Amino acid sequence: MQGQEIILAVDTSCDETAAAVLSGGREVMANIVSSQVDVHRRFGGVVPEIASRSHLEQVNLLIDLALSEAGVRLFDLAAVCVTHGPGLVGSLLVGVSTAKSLAYSLGIPLVAVNHLEGHIYANWLLPCREPEFPLVCLIVSGGHTALVAMNGHGDYRLVGQTQDDAAGEAYDKVARALGLGYPGGPALEALASRGNPAALRLPRAWLGEDSFDFSFSGLKTAVLNYLNRAAQKGEEIDKADLAAAFQSSVVEVLVEKTVRAAKSRGLKTVLLAGGVAANRFLREELSRRCAEERLVLLYPPLEYCTDNAAMIGCAGYYRFKRGERAGLDLNAVPGLKLLA
């Protein structure tokens, strides 16, 4: 993509430090991620103070690595894109401060990106095809579960969202109850693959015939009650069956509401985004249902499902092309909404 604008992107929203270089918004020249999983595993979850300190130690190194891998210099950059929310405030501040310093010193535009928007735009990093509007996107991660309709770049309509726990959060809490350690989501998925989802029936929260919202708190409570009753009676449980039943309940609701949202609006394209988009069972079930309903389903490669800076650079590129710029007073917004 010779002649295209080259973008540097930075993401420090939670516990991964990430830097990427993109050309033309969709060609990933470099995408470097430093995970803190091993650091936080001993605590059973992310410790915000440790996360932000690690970002401070890593961010400049990762930017240098990304530029070197891409074969570009700082003075080749057309803009700097950065996640400014949602996320952990201390972590976000590291990335925001770094990006502002670079933009100021290089005299180039600063572009602020919503982390959820980044997850959506991971689907524009597919080398084979570009998503076609209008479309609906299911965002599923540790902190968010939502259905968003898009008529064009930057044009979002909230279709539905979780009323309590996010899907990924429910995965992590049930995994902890089953003693699976941290991070819980992938461990629970692996355990569920060995179980029988029909061995026990867990509730599905449909929230009404016309609702596109989600609720996973009741399902989580049902699992905890099942474990407590078994413990009180001294009964052994099959953890794999319980994990499979839990996963089946979550995925069935996610899939059916997504398909129904697309059909009710006459949309033909469905996107899947967020960390939980890496879940194989979810991919398979959504693929099956979309095929049945003749819907086009797109989802990112696994490397772009979890937190990374390439997706932030892609989302930021389209904002950059629309002329959107952030000031040097840009601040971290831990509770930033995709839609006001």
C-alpha atoms as a PDB file:
ATOM      1  CA  MET A   1       0.000   0.000   0.000  1.00  0.00           C
ATOM      2  CA  GLN A   2       2.663   2.443  -1.029  1.00  0.00           C
ATOM      3  CA  GLY A   3       1.637   6.042  -0.529  1.00  0.00           C
ATOM      4  CA  GLN A   4      -0.933   5.234   2.149  1.00  0.00           C
ATOM      5  CA  GLU A   5      -0.883   7.011   5.499  1.00  0.00           C
ATOM      6  CA  ILE A   6       1.082   5.169   8.173  1.00  0.00           C
ATOM      7  CA  ILE A   7      -0.538   5.052  11.598  1.00  0.00           C
ATOM      8  CA  LEU A   8       0.952   4.187  14.982  1.00  0.00           C
ATOM      9  CA  ALA A   9      -1.535   2.785  17.490  1.00  0.00           C
ATOM     10  CA  VAL A  10      -1.211   2.195  21.231  1.00  0.00           C
ATOM     11  CA  ASP A  11      -3.498   0.239  23.555  1.00  0.00           C
ATOM     12  CA  THR A  12      -3.021  -0.059  27.328  1.00  0.00           C
ATOM     13  CA  SER A  13      -6.644  -0.449  28.363  1.00  0.00           C
ATOM     14  CA  CYS A  14      -6.242  -3.379  30.757  1.00  0.00           C
ATOM     15  CA  ASP A  15      -3.395  -5.855  31.217  1.00  0.00           C
ATOM     16  CA  GLU A  16      -1.885  -6.075  27.719  1.00  0.00           C
ATOM     17  CA  THR A  17       0.572  -3.475  26.500  1.00  0.00           C
ATOM     18  CA  ALA A  18       0.191  -3.205  22.736  1.00  0.00           C
ATOM     19  CA  ALA A  19       1.628  -1.181  19.863  1.00  0.00           C
ATOM     20  CA  ALA A  20       0.973  -1.530  16.137  1.00  0.00           C
ATOM     21  CA  VAL A  21       1.835   0.128  12.850  1.00  0.00           C
ATOM     22  CA  LEU A  22      -0.691   0.108   9.986  1.00  0.00           C
ATOM     23  CA  SER A  23      -0.641   1.342   6.421  1.00  0.00           C
ATOM     24  CA  GLY A  24      -3.878   2.518   4.878  1.00  0.00           C
ATOM     25  CA  GLY A  25      -5.843   1.454   7.931  1.00  0.00           C
ATOM     26  CA  ARG A  26      -6.054  -2.247   7.042  1.00  0.00           C
ATOM     27  CA  GLU A  27      -2.524  -3.436   6.254  1.00  0.00           C
ATOM     28  CA  VAL A  28      -0.860  -4.478   9.522  1.00  0.00           C
ATOM     29  CA  MET A  29       2.856  -3.786   9.242  1.00  0.00           C
ATOM     30  CA  ALA A  30       3.546  -4.692  12.884  1.00  0.00           C
ATOM     31  CA  ASN A  31       1.429  -5.747  15.842  1.00  0.00           C
ATOM     32  CA  ILE A  32       3.244  -6.275  19.147  1.00  0.00           C
ATOM     33  CA  VAL A  33       1.488  -7.380  22.356  1.00  0.00           C
ATOM     34  CA  SER A  34       3.044  -7.920  25.783  1.00  0.00           C
ATOM     35  CA  SER A  35       0.749  -9.934  28.048  1.00  0.00           C
ATOM     36  CA  GLN A  36       0.703  -9.653  31.839  1.00  0.00           C
ATOM     37  CA  VAL A  37      -1.174 -12.922  32.433  1.00  0.00           C
ATOM     38  CA  ASP A  38       1.705 -14.570  34.269  1.00  0.00           C
ATOM     39  CA  VAL A  39       2.086 -11.544  36.544  1.00  0.00           C
ATOM     40  CA  HIS A  40      -1.588 -11.448  37.557  1.00  0.00           C
ATOM     41  CA  ARG A  41      -2.227 -15.201  37.689  1.00  0.00           C
ATOM     42  CA  ARG A  42      -1.005 -15.490  41.284  1.00  0.00           C
ATOM     43  CA  PHE A  43      -3.680 -12.984  42.352  1.00  0.00           C
ATOM     44  CA  GLY A  44      -6.521 -14.642  40.452  1.00  0.00           C
ATOM     45  CA  GLY A  45      -7.248 -11.493  38.440  1.00  0.00           C
ATOM     46  CA  VAL A  46      -5.858  -8.177  37.238  1.00  0.00           C
ATOM     47  CA  VAL A  47      -4.345  -5.926  39.903  1.00  0.00           C
ATOM     48  CA  PRO A  48      -4.740  -2.366  38.522  1.00  0.00           C
ATOM     49  CA  GLU A  49      -1.638  -0.881  40.170  1.00  0.00           C
ATOM     50  CA  ILE A  50       0.578  -3.679  38.895  1.00  0.00           C
ATOM     51  CA  ALA A  51      -0.940  -3.422  35.436  1.00  0.00           C
ATOM     52  CA  SER A  52      -0.254   0.301  35.091  1.00  0.00           C
ATOM     53  CA  ARG A  53       3.330  -0.097  36.370  1.00  0.00           C
ATOM     54  CA  SER A  54       3.968  -2.820  33.822  1.00  0.00           C
ATOM     55  CA  HIS A  55       2.601  -0.606  31.041  1.00  0.00           C
ATOM     56  CA  LEU A  56       5.068   2.101  32.072  1.00  0.00           C
ATOM     57  CA  GLU A  57       7.911  -0.375  31.789  1.00  0.00           C
ATOM     58  CA  GLN A  58       6.834  -1.787  28.441  1.00  0.00           C
ATOM     59  CA  VAL A  59       5.119   0.841  26.302  1.00  0.00           C
ATOM     60  CA  ASN A  60       8.137   2.670  24.861  1.00  0.00           C
ATOM     61  CA  LEU A  61       9.947  -0.591  24.201  1.00  0.00           C
ATOM     62  CA  LEU A  62       6.948  -1.999  22.328  1.00  0.00           C
ATOM     63  CA  ILE A  63       6.583   1.148  20.226  1.00  0.00           C
ATOM     64  CA  ASP A  64      10.250   0.872  19.229  1.00  0.00           C
ATOM     65  CA  LEU A  65       9.778  -2.815  18.394  1.00  0.00           C
ATOM     66  CA  ALA A  66       6.692  -2.116  16.304  1.00  0.00           C
ATOM     67  CA  LEU A  67       8.389   0.655  14.333  1.00  0.00           C
ATOM     68  CA  SER A  68      11.454  -1.515  13.773  1.00  0.00           C
ATOM     69  CA  GLU A  69       9.396  -4.494  12.596  1.00  0.00           C
ATOM     70  CA  ALA A  70       7.406  -2.262  10.255  1.00  0.00           C
ATOM     71  CA  GLY A  71      10.581  -0.681   8.910  1.00  0.00           C
ATOM     72  CA  VAL A  72       9.372   2.866   9.498  1.00  0.00           C
ATOM     73  CA  ARG A  73      10.614   5.860  11.473  1.00  0.00           C
ATOM     74  CA  LEU A  74       8.711   8.132  13.794  1.00  0.00           C
ATOM     75  CA  PHE A  75       8.866  10.873  11.161  1.00  0.00           C
ATOM     76  CA  ASP A  76       7.057   8.604   8.681  1.00  0.00           C
ATOM     77  CA  LEU A  77       3.903   8.611  10.835  1.00  0.00           C
ATOM     78  CA  ALA A  78       0.775  10.448   9.728  1.00  0.00           C
ATOM     79  CA  ALA A  79      -0.992  10.130  13.097  1.00  0.00           C
ATOM     80  CA  VAL A  80      -0.990   8.458  16.500  1.00  0.00           C
ATOM     81  CA  CYS A  81      -4.104   6.573  17.639  1.00  0.00           C
ATOM     82  CA  VAL A  82      -4.717   5.584  21.242  1.00  0.00           C
ATOM     83  CA  THR A  83      -7.365   3.921  23.382  1.00  0.00           C
ATOM     84  CA  HIS A  84      -8.754   6.429  25.881  1.00  0.00           C
ATOM     85  CA  GLY A  85     -11.501   4.204  27.315  1.00  0.00           C
ATOM     86  CA  PRO A  86     -13.140   2.134  28.547  1.00  0.00           C
ATOM     87  CA  GLY A  87     -10.708   0.284  30.784  1.00  0.00           C
ATOM     88  CA  LEU A  88      -8.615   0.641  33.928  1.00  0.00           C
ATOM     89  CA  VAL A  89      -7.921   4.318  34.504  1.00  0.00           C
ATOM     90  CA  GLY A  90      -4.273   3.887  35.518  1.00  0.00           C
ATOM     91  CA  SER A  91      -3.565   1.652  32.550  1.00  0.00           C
ATOM     92  CA  LEU A  92      -5.344   3.952  30.109  1.00  0.00           C
ATOM     93  CA  LEU A  93      -3.401   6.967  31.347  1.00  0.00           C
ATOM     94  CA  VAL A  94      -0.098   5.365  30.390  1.00  0.00           C
ATOM     95  CA  GLY A  95      -1.137   4.936  26.773  1.00  0.00           C
ATOM     96  CA  VAL A  96      -2.863   8.308  26.539  1.00  0.00           C
ATOM     97  CA  SER A  97       0.135  10.162  27.999  1.00  0.00           C
ATOM     98  CA  THR A  98       2.534   8.350  25.688  1.00  0.00           C
ATOM     99  CA  ALA A  99       0.445   9.046  22.583  1.00  0.00           C
ATOM    100  CA  LYS A 100      -0.006  12.717  23.474  1.00  0.00           C
ATOM    101  CA  SER A 101       3.747  13.122  23.959  1.00  0.00           C
ATOM    102  CA  LEU A 102       4.469  11.554  20.569  1.00  0.00           C
ATOM    103  CA  ALA A 103       1.821  13.591  18.768  1.00  0.00           C
ATOM    104  CA  TYR A 104       3.068  16.830  20.305  1.00  0.00           C
ATOM    105  CA  SER A 105       6.764  16.186  19.705  1.00  0.00           C
ATOM    106  CA  LEU A 106       6.221  15.024  16.111  1.00  0.00           C
ATOM    107  CA  GLY A 107       3.602  17.642  15.281  1.00  0.00           C
ATOM    108  CA  ILE A 108       1.122  15.053  13.994  1.00  0.00           C
ATOM    109  CA  PRO A 109      -2.581  14.445  14.723  1.00  0.00           C
ATOM    110  CA  LEU A 110      -3.728  12.564  17.804  1.00  0.00           C
ATOM    111  CA  VAL A 111      -6.779  10.307  17.361  1.00  0.00           C
ATOM    112  CA  ALA A 112      -8.760   8.983  20.339  1.00  0.00           C
ATOM    113  CA  VAL A 113     -10.378   5.549  19.968  1.00  0.00           C
ATOM    114  CA  ASN A 114     -13.000   3.730  22.004  1.00  0.00           C
ATOM    115  CA  HIS A 115     -11.722   0.258  22.905  1.00  0.00           C
ATOM    116  CA  LEU A 116     -15.049  -1.365  21.965  1.00  0.00           C
ATOM    117  CA  GLU A 117     -14.908   0.339  18.584  1.00  0.00           C
ATOM    118  CA  GLY A 118     -11.484  -1.206  18.175  1.00  0.00           C
ATOM    119  CA  HIS A 119     -12.912  -4.681  18.740  1.00  0.00           C
ATOM    120  CA  ILE A 120     -15.534  -4.046  16.054  1.00  0.00           C
ATOM    121  CA  TYR A 121     -12.900  -2.861  13.593  1.00  0.00           C
ATOM    122  CA  ALA A 122     -10.794  -5.976  14.099  1.00  0.00           C
ATOM    123  CA  ASN A 123     -13.147  -7.328  11.435  1.00  0.00           C
ATOM    124  CA  TRP A 124     -11.717  -4.833   8.926  1.00  0.00           C
ATOM    125  CA  LEU A 125      -8.309  -6.480   9.332  1.00  0.00           C
ATOM    126  CA  LEU A 126      -9.519  -9.547   7.428  1.00  0.00           C
ATOM    127  CA  PRO A 127      -7.308  -9.806   4.322  1.00  0.00           C
ATOM    128  CA  CYS A 128      -9.956 -11.575   2.229  1.00  0.00           C
ATOM    129  CA  ARG A 129     -12.924  -9.230   2.398  1.00  0.00           C
ATOM    130  CA  GLU A 130     -14.184  -5.966   3.874  1.00  0.00           C
ATOM    131  CA  PRO A 131     -17.464  -6.029   5.813  1.00  0.00           C
ATOM    132  CA  GLU A 132     -20.389  -4.564   3.920  1.00  0.00           C
ATOM    133  CA  PHE A 133     -22.860  -2.128   5.475  1.00  0.00           C
ATOM    134  CA  PRO A 134     -25.445  -2.238   6.902  1.00  0.00           C
ATOM    135  CA  LEU A 135     -24.571  -4.867   9.484  1.00  0.00           C
ATOM    136  CA  VAL A 136     -24.972  -5.963  13.092  1.00  0.00           C
ATOM    137  CA  CYS A 137     -22.054  -6.769  15.399  1.00  0.00           C
ATOM    138  CA  LEU A 138     -22.068  -8.910  18.536  1.00  0.00           C
ATOM    139  CA  ILE A 139     -19.423  -7.637  20.957  1.00  0.00           C
ATOM    140  CA  VAL A 140     -18.552 -10.175  23.666  1.00  0.00           C
ATOM    141  CA  SER A 141     -15.718  -9.635  26.127  1.00  0.00           C
ATOM    142  CA  GLY A 142     -14.869  -9.768  29.804  1.00  0.00           C
ATOM    143  CA  GLY A 143     -16.416  -6.393  30.484  1.00  0.00           C
ATOM    144  CA  HIS A 144     -18.975  -5.930  27.724  1.00  0.00           C
ATOM    145  CA  THR A 145     -21.731  -7.749  25.863  1.00  0.00           C
ATOM    146  CA  ALA A 146     -23.696  -5.770  23.310  1.00  0.00           C
ATOM    147  CA  LEU A 147     -25.374  -5.870  19.907  1.00  0.00           C
ATOM    148  CA  VAL A 148     -24.563  -2.861  17.721  1.00  0.00           C
ATOM    149  CA  ALA A 149     -25.983  -2.037  14.271  1.00  0.00           C
ATOM    150  CA  MET A 150     -23.874  -0.030  11.806  1.00  0.00           C
ATOM    151  CA  ASN A 151     -25.010   1.782   8.669  1.00  0.00           C
ATOM    152  CA  GLY A 152     -21.532   3.121   7.930  1.00  0.00           C
ATOM    153  CA  HIS A 153     -18.184   3.954   9.479  1.00  0.00           C
ATOM    154  CA  GLY A 154     -18.700   5.582  12.867  1.00  0.00           C
ATOM    155  CA  ASP A 155     -22.485   5.191  12.609  1.00  0.00           C
ATOM    156  CA  TYR A 156     -23.568   3.052  15.563  1.00  0.00           C
ATOM    157  CA  ARG A 157     -26.993   2.078  16.865  1.00  0.00           C
ATOM    158  CA  LEU A 158     -27.268   0.162  20.124  1.00  0.00           C
ATOM    159  CA  VAL A 159     -29.571  -2.825  19.606  1.00  0.00           C
ATOM    160  CA  GLY A 160     -29.112  -4.520  22.977  1.00  0.00           C
ATOM    161  CA  GLN A 161     -26.678  -4.901  25.860  1.00  0.00           C
ATOM    162  CA  THR A 162     -26.171  -6.818  29.047  1.00  0.00           C
ATOM    163  CA  GLN A 163     -28.242  -5.731  32.019  1.00  0.00           C
ATOM    164  CA  ASP A 164     -25.752  -7.160  34.534  1.00  0.00           C
ATOM    165  CA  ASP A 165     -22.755  -9.446  33.990  1.00  0.00           C
ATOM    166  CA  ALA A 166     -20.977  -9.535  30.652  1.00  0.00           C
ATOM    167  CA  ALA A 167     -20.597 -12.949  29.055  1.00  0.00           C
ATOM    168  CA  GLY A 168     -16.847 -13.016  29.605  1.00  0.00           C
ATOM    169  CA  GLU A 169     -17.287 -11.939  33.211  1.00  0.00           C
ATOM    170  CA  ALA A 170     -19.710 -14.818  33.770  1.00  0.00           C
ATOM    171  CA  TYR A 171     -17.193 -17.217  32.237  1.00  0.00           C
ATOM    172  CA  ASP A 172     -14.461 -15.998  34.585  1.00  0.00           C
ATOM    173  CA  LYS A 173     -16.644 -16.151  37.713  1.00  0.00           C
ATOM    174  CA  VAL A 174     -17.901 -19.671  36.970  1.00  0.00           C
ATOM    175  CA  ALA A 175     -14.356 -20.781  36.142  1.00  0.00           C
ATOM    176  CA  ARG A 176     -13.189 -19.479  39.509  1.00  0.00           C
ATOM    177  CA  ALA A 177     -16.015 -21.347  41.264  1.00  0.00           C
ATOM    178  CA  LEU A 178     -14.888 -24.513  39.499  1.00  0.00           C
ATOM    179  CA  GLY A 179     -11.299 -23.934  40.608  1.00  0.00           C
ATOM    180  CA  LEU A 180      -9.963 -23.468  37.085  1.00  0.00           C
ATOM    181  CA  GLY A 181      -7.615 -20.568  37.841  1.00  0.00           C
ATOM    182  CA  TYR A 182      -6.897 -17.435  35.826  1.00  0.00           C
ATOM    183  CA  PRO A 183      -7.620 -16.577  33.072  1.00  0.00           C
ATOM    184  CA  GLY A 184     -10.833 -18.514  33.511  1.00  0.00           C
ATOM    185  CA  GLY A 185     -12.555 -18.193  30.124  1.00  0.00           C
ATOM    186  CA  PRO A 186     -10.185 -20.327  28.024  1.00  0.00           C
ATOM    187  CA  ALA A 187      -9.875 -22.891  30.837  1.00  0.00           C
ATOM    188  CA  LEU A 188     -13.650 -23.244  31.110  1.00  0.00           C
ATOM    189  CA  GLU A 189     -13.978 -23.587  27.333  1.00  0.00           C
ATOM    190  CA  ALA A 190     -11.386 -26.380  27.330  1.00  0.00           C
ATOM    191  CA  LEU A 191     -13.173 -28.176  30.167  1.00  0.00           C
ATOM    192  CA  ALA A 192     -16.566 -27.778  28.489  1.00  0.00           C
ATOM    193  CA  SER A 193     -15.265 -29.450  25.325  1.00  0.00           C
ATOM    194  CA  ARG A 194     -14.971 -32.696  27.322  1.00  0.00           C
ATOM    195  CA  GLY A 195     -18.465 -32.505  28.853  1.00  0.00           C
ATOM    196  CA  ASN A 196     -22.048 -33.235  27.903  1.00  0.00           C
ATOM    197  CA  PRO A 197     -24.142 -30.035  27.764  1.00  0.00           C
ATOM    198  CA  ALA A 198     -27.353 -32.071  28.002  1.00  0.00           C
ATOM    199  CA  ALA A 199     -26.335 -33.662  31.304  1.00  0.00           C
ATOM    200  CA  LEU A 200     -28.115 -30.862  33.194  1.00  0.00           C
ATOM    201  CA  ARG A 201     -30.369 -27.986  32.257  1.00  0.00           C
ATOM    202  CA  LEU A 202     -29.407 -24.463  33.220  1.00  0.00           C
ATOM    203  CA  PRO A 203     -31.598 -21.361  32.720  1.00  0.00           C
ATOM    204  CA  ARG A 204     -31.625 -19.130  29.641  1.00  0.00           C
ATOM    205  CA  ALA A 205     -32.432 -15.478  30.224  1.00  0.00           C
ATOM    206  CA  TRP A 206     -34.432 -14.349  27.182  1.00  0.00           C
ATOM    207  CA  LEU A 207     -35.824 -11.199  28.899  1.00  0.00           C
ATOM    208  CA  GLY A 208     -38.988 -11.068  26.836  1.00  0.00           C
ATOM    209  CA  GLU A 209     -40.000 -11.953  23.301  1.00  0.00           C
ATOM    210  CA  ASP A 210     -38.825  -8.704  21.701  1.00  0.00           C
ATOM    211  CA  SER A 211     -35.766  -8.030  23.883  1.00  0.00           C
ATOM    212  CA  PHE A 212     -32.262  -7.980  22.459  1.00  0.00           C
ATOM    213  CA  ASP A 213     -30.706  -7.360  25.878  1.00  0.00           C
ATOM    214  CA  PHE A 214     -28.715  -9.955  27.790  1.00  0.00           C
ATOM    215  CA  SER A 215     -28.507 -11.126  31.390  1.00  0.00           C
ATOM    216  CA  PHE A 216     -26.042 -13.679  32.746  1.00  0.00           C
ATOM    217  CA  SER A 217     -26.225 -12.974  36.472  1.00  0.00           C
ATOM    218  CA  GLY A 218     -29.033 -15.477  37.016  1.00  0.00           C
ATOM    219  CA  LEU A 219     -27.154 -18.182  35.133  1.00  0.00           C
ATOM    220  CA  LYS A 220     -24.044 -17.556  37.209  1.00  0.00           C
ATOM    221  CA  THR A 221     -26.104 -17.775  40.401  1.00  0.00           C
ATOM    222  CA  ALA A 222     -27.701 -21.021  39.215  1.00  0.00           C
ATOM    223  CA  VAL A 223     -24.256 -22.574  38.766  1.00  0.00           C
ATOM    224  CA  LEU A 224     -23.102 -21.394  42.196  1.00  0.00           C
ATOM    225  CA  ASN A 225     -26.285 -22.753  43.820  1.00  0.00           C
ATOM    226  CA  TYR A 226     -25.774 -26.096  42.066  1.00  0.00           C
ATOM    227  CA  LEU A 227     -22.222 -26.296  43.413  1.00  0.00           C
ATOM    228  CA  ASN A 228     -23.307 -25.309  46.934  1.00  0.00           C
ATOM    229  CA  ARG A 229     -26.112 -27.888  47.049  1.00  0.00           C
ATOM    230  CA  ALA A 230     -23.768 -30.609  45.870  1.00  0.00           C
ATOM    231  CA  ALA A 231     -21.202 -29.632  48.498  1.00  0.00           C
ATOM    232  CA  GLN A 232     -23.805 -29.645  51.276  1.00  0.00           C
ATOM    233  CA  LYS A 233     -24.954 -33.132  50.281  1.00  0.00           C
ATOM    234  CA  GLY A 234     -21.418 -34.409  49.819  1.00  0.00           C
ATOM    235  CA  GLU A 235     -22.138 -35.247  46.192  1.00  0.00           C
ATOM    236  CA  GLU A 236     -19.476 -35.343  43.532  1.00  0.00           C
ATOM    237  CA  ILE A 237     -20.183 -33.394  40.358  1.00  0.00           C
ATOM    238  CA  ASP A 238     -18.917 -33.766  36.832  1.00  0.00           C
ATOM    239  CA  LYS A 239     -17.203 -30.423  36.284  1.00  0.00           C
ATOM    240  CA  ALA A 240     -16.917 -30.976  32.542  1.00  0.00           C
ATOM    241  CA  ASP A 241     -20.679 -31.522  32.204  1.00  0.00           C
ATOM    242  CA  LEU A 242     -21.406 -28.442  34.304  1.00  0.00           C
ATOM    243  CA  ALA A 243     -18.996 -26.340  32.236  1.00  0.00           C
ATOM    244  CA  ALA A 244     -20.558 -27.618  29.016  1.00  0.00           C
ATOM    245  CA  ALA A 245     -24.078 -26.877  30.236  1.00  0.00           C
ATOM    246  CA  PHE A 246     -23.051 -23.376  31.305  1.00  0.00           C
ATOM    247  CA  GLN A 247     -21.357 -22.648  27.982  1.00  0.00           C
ATOM    248  CA  SER A 248     -24.337 -24.008  26.047  1.00  0.00           C
ATOM    249  CA  SER A 249     -26.681 -21.672  27.920  1.00  0.00           C
ATOM    250  CA  VAL A 250     -24.523 -18.584  27.286  1.00  0.00           C
ATOM    251  CA  VAL A 251     -23.881 -19.319  23.628  1.00  0.00           C
ATOM    252  CA  GLU A 252     -27.484 -20.223  22.782  1.00  0.00           C
ATOM    253  CA  VAL A 253     -28.723 -16.849  24.000  1.00  0.00           C
ATOM    254  CA  LEU A 254     -25.903 -14.917  22.302  1.00  0.00           C
ATOM    255  CA  VAL A 255     -26.433 -16.677  18.986  1.00  0.00           C
ATOM    256  CA  GLU A 256     -30.219 -16.590  18.851  1.00  0.00           C
ATOM    257  CA  LYS A 257     -30.482 -12.924  19.806  1.00  0.00           C
ATOM    258  CA  THR A 258     -27.821 -11.959  17.267  1.00  0.00           C
ATOM    259  CA  VAL A 259     -29.526 -13.845  14.436  1.00  0.00           C
ATOM    260  CA  ARG A 260     -32.916 -12.456  15.412  1.00  0.00           C
ATOM    261  CA  ALA A 261     -31.516  -8.907  15.536  1.00  0.00           C
ATOM    262  CA  ALA A 262     -30.124  -9.251  12.011  1.00  0.00           C
ATOM    263  CA  LYS A 263     -33.309 -10.758  10.583  1.00  0.00           C
ATOM    264  CA  SER A 264     -35.633  -8.252  12.258  1.00  0.00           C
ATOM    265  CA  ARG A 265     -33.723  -5.392  10.612  1.00  0.00           C
ATOM    266  CA  GLY A 266     -33.283  -7.078   7.241  1.00  0.00           C
ATOM    267  CA  LEU A 267     -29.484  -7.131   7.641  1.00  0.00           C
ATOM    268  CA  LYS A 268     -27.389  -9.710   5.794  1.00  0.00           C
ATOM    269  CA  THR A 269     -24.002  -9.252   7.477  1.00  0.00           C
ATOM    270  CA  VAL A 270     -23.127 -10.282  11.049  1.00  0.00           C
ATOM    271  CA  LEU A 271     -19.838  -9.487  12.780  1.00  0.00           C
ATOM    272  CA  LEU A 272     -18.425 -11.112  15.899  1.00  0.00           C
ATOM    273  CA  ALA A 273     -15.946  -9.175  18.033  1.00  0.00           C
ATOM    274  CA  GLY A 274     -14.259  -9.105  21.446  1.00  0.00           C
ATOM    275  CA  GLY A 275     -12.180 -11.480  23.521  1.00  0.00           C
ATOM    276  CA  VAL A 276     -14.934 -14.097  23.776  1.00  0.00           C
ATOM    277  CA  ALA A 277     -15.058 -14.128  19.959  1.00  0.00           C
ATOM    278  CA  ALA A 278     -12.060 -16.453  20.251  1.00  0.00           C
ATOM    279  CA  ASN A 279     -14.347 -19.100  21.782  1.00  0.00           C
ATOM    280  CA  ARG A 280     -14.544 -21.960  19.279  1.00  0.00           C
ATOM    281  CA  PHE A 281     -17.978 -23.165  20.373  1.00  0.00           C
ATOM    282  CA  LEU A 282     -19.442 -19.676  19.936  1.00  0.00           C
ATOM    283  CA  ARG A 283     -17.884 -19.373  16.480  1.00  0.00           C
ATOM    284  CA  GLU A 284     -19.213 -22.767  15.425  1.00  0.00           C
ATOM    285  CA  GLU A 285     -22.746 -22.203  16.695  1.00  0.00           C
ATOM    286  CA  LEU A 286     -23.023 -18.692  15.261  1.00  0.00           C
ATOM    287  CA  SER A 287     -21.597 -19.932  11.953  1.00  0.00           C
ATOM    288  CA  ARG A 288     -24.152 -22.751  11.854  1.00  0.00           C
ATOM    289  CA  ARG A 289     -27.132 -20.482  12.576  1.00  0.00           C
ATOM    290  CA  CYS A 290     -25.990 -17.772  10.155  1.00  0.00           C
ATOM    291  CA  ALA A 291     -25.604 -20.388   7.439  1.00  0.00           C
ATOM    292  CA  GLU A 292     -29.123 -21.641   8.149  1.00  0.00           C
ATOM    293  CA  GLU A 293     -30.501 -18.114   7.842  1.00  0.00           C
ATOM    294  CA  ARG A 294     -28.304 -17.222   4.852  1.00  0.00           C
ATOM    295  CA  LEU A 295     -26.454 -14.518   6.734  1.00  0.00           C
ATOM    296  CA  VAL A 296     -22.822 -13.600   6.085  1.00  0.00           C
ATOM    297  CA  LEU A 297     -20.754 -14.045   9.263  1.00  0.00           C
ATOM    298  CA  LEU A 298     -17.314 -12.500   9.696  1.00  0.00           C
ATOM    299  CA  TYR A 299     -15.008 -12.719  12.693  1.00  0.00           C
ATOM    300  CA  PRO A 300     -11.367 -11.740  13.215  1.00  0.00           C
ATOM    301  CA  PRO A 301      -8.369 -14.079  13.331  1.00  0.00           C
ATOM    302  CA  LEU A 302      -7.650 -15.201  16.898  1.00  0.00           C
ATOM    303  CA  GLU A 303      -4.747 -12.759  17.272  1.00  0.00           C
ATOM    304  CA  TYR A 304      -7.127  -9.827  16.758  1.00  0.00           C
ATOM    305  CA  CYS A 305      -9.894 -11.053  19.097  1.00  0.00           C
ATOM    306  CA  THR A 306      -8.039 -10.358  22.329  1.00  0.00           C
ATOM    307  CA  ASP A 307      -6.725  -6.883  23.146  1.00  0.00           C
ATOM    308  CA  ASN A 308      -4.269  -5.553  20.576  1.00  0.00           C
ATOM    309  CA  ALA A 309      -3.284  -2.250  18.992  1.00  0.00           C
ATOM    310  CA  ALA A 310      -3.872  -3.191  15.344  1.00  0.00           C
ATOM    311  CA  MET A 311      -7.632  -2.998  15.856  1.00  0.00           C
ATOM    312  CA  ILE A 312      -7.218   0.409  17.533  1.00  0.00           C
ATOM    313  CA  GLY A 313      -5.168   1.625  14.574  1.00  0.00           C
ATOM    314  CA  CYS A 314      -7.803   0.409  12.121  1.00  0.00           C
ATOM    315  CA  ALA A 315     -10.656   2.122  13.969  1.00  0.00           C
ATOM    316  CA  GLY A 316      -8.526   5.224  14.423  1.00  0.00           C
ATOM    317  CA  TYR A 317      -7.657   5.363  10.739  1.00  0.00           C
ATOM    318  CA  TYR A 318     -11.290   5.779   9.738  1.00  0.00           C
ATOM    319  CA  ARG A 319     -11.683   8.517  12.359  1.00  0.00           C
ATOM    320  CA  PHE A 320      -8.508  10.152  11.032  1.00  0.00           C
ATOM    321  CA  LYS A 321      -9.878  10.079   7.476  1.00  0.00           C
ATOM    322  CA  ARG A 322     -13.082  11.770   8.703  1.00  0.00           C
ATOM    323  CA  GLY A 323     -10.959  14.591  10.073  1.00  0.00           C
ATOM    324  CA  GLU A 324     -11.473  13.738  13.741  1.00  0.00           C
ATOM    325  CA  ARG A 325      -8.700  14.933  16.039  1.00  0.00           C
ATOM    326  CA  ALA A 326      -8.161  14.825  19.801  1.00  0.00           C
ATOM    327  CA  GLY A 327      -6.637  17.706  21.720  1.00  0.00           C
ATOM    328  CA  LEU A 328      -3.620  17.493  23.978  1.00  0.00           C
ATOM    329  CA  ASP A 329      -6.043  17.740  26.889  1.00  0.00           C
ATOM    330  CA  LEU A 330      -7.266  14.214  26.070  1.00  0.00           C
ATOM    331  CA  ASN A 331      -7.859  12.227  29.237  1.00  0.00           C
ATOM    332  CA  ALA A 332      -8.554   8.615  30.106  1.00  0.00           C
ATOM    333  CA  VAL A 333     -12.270   7.788  30.463  1.00  0.00           C
ATOM    334  CA  PRO A 334     -12.573   4.412  32.215  1.00  0.00           C
ATOM    335  CA  GLY A 335     -16.351   4.253  31.739  1.00  0.00           C
ATOM    336  CA  LEU A 336     -16.399   5.532  28.155  1.00  0.00           C
ATOM    337  CA  LYS A 337     -19.519   4.509  26.208  1.00  0.00           C
ATOM    338  CA  LEU A 338     -19.525   3.599  22.538  1.00  0.00           C
ATOM    339  CA  LEU A 339     -22.883   5.345  22.279  1.00  0.00           C
ATOM    340  CA  ALA A 340     -23.855   8.313  24.408  1.00  0.00           C
END
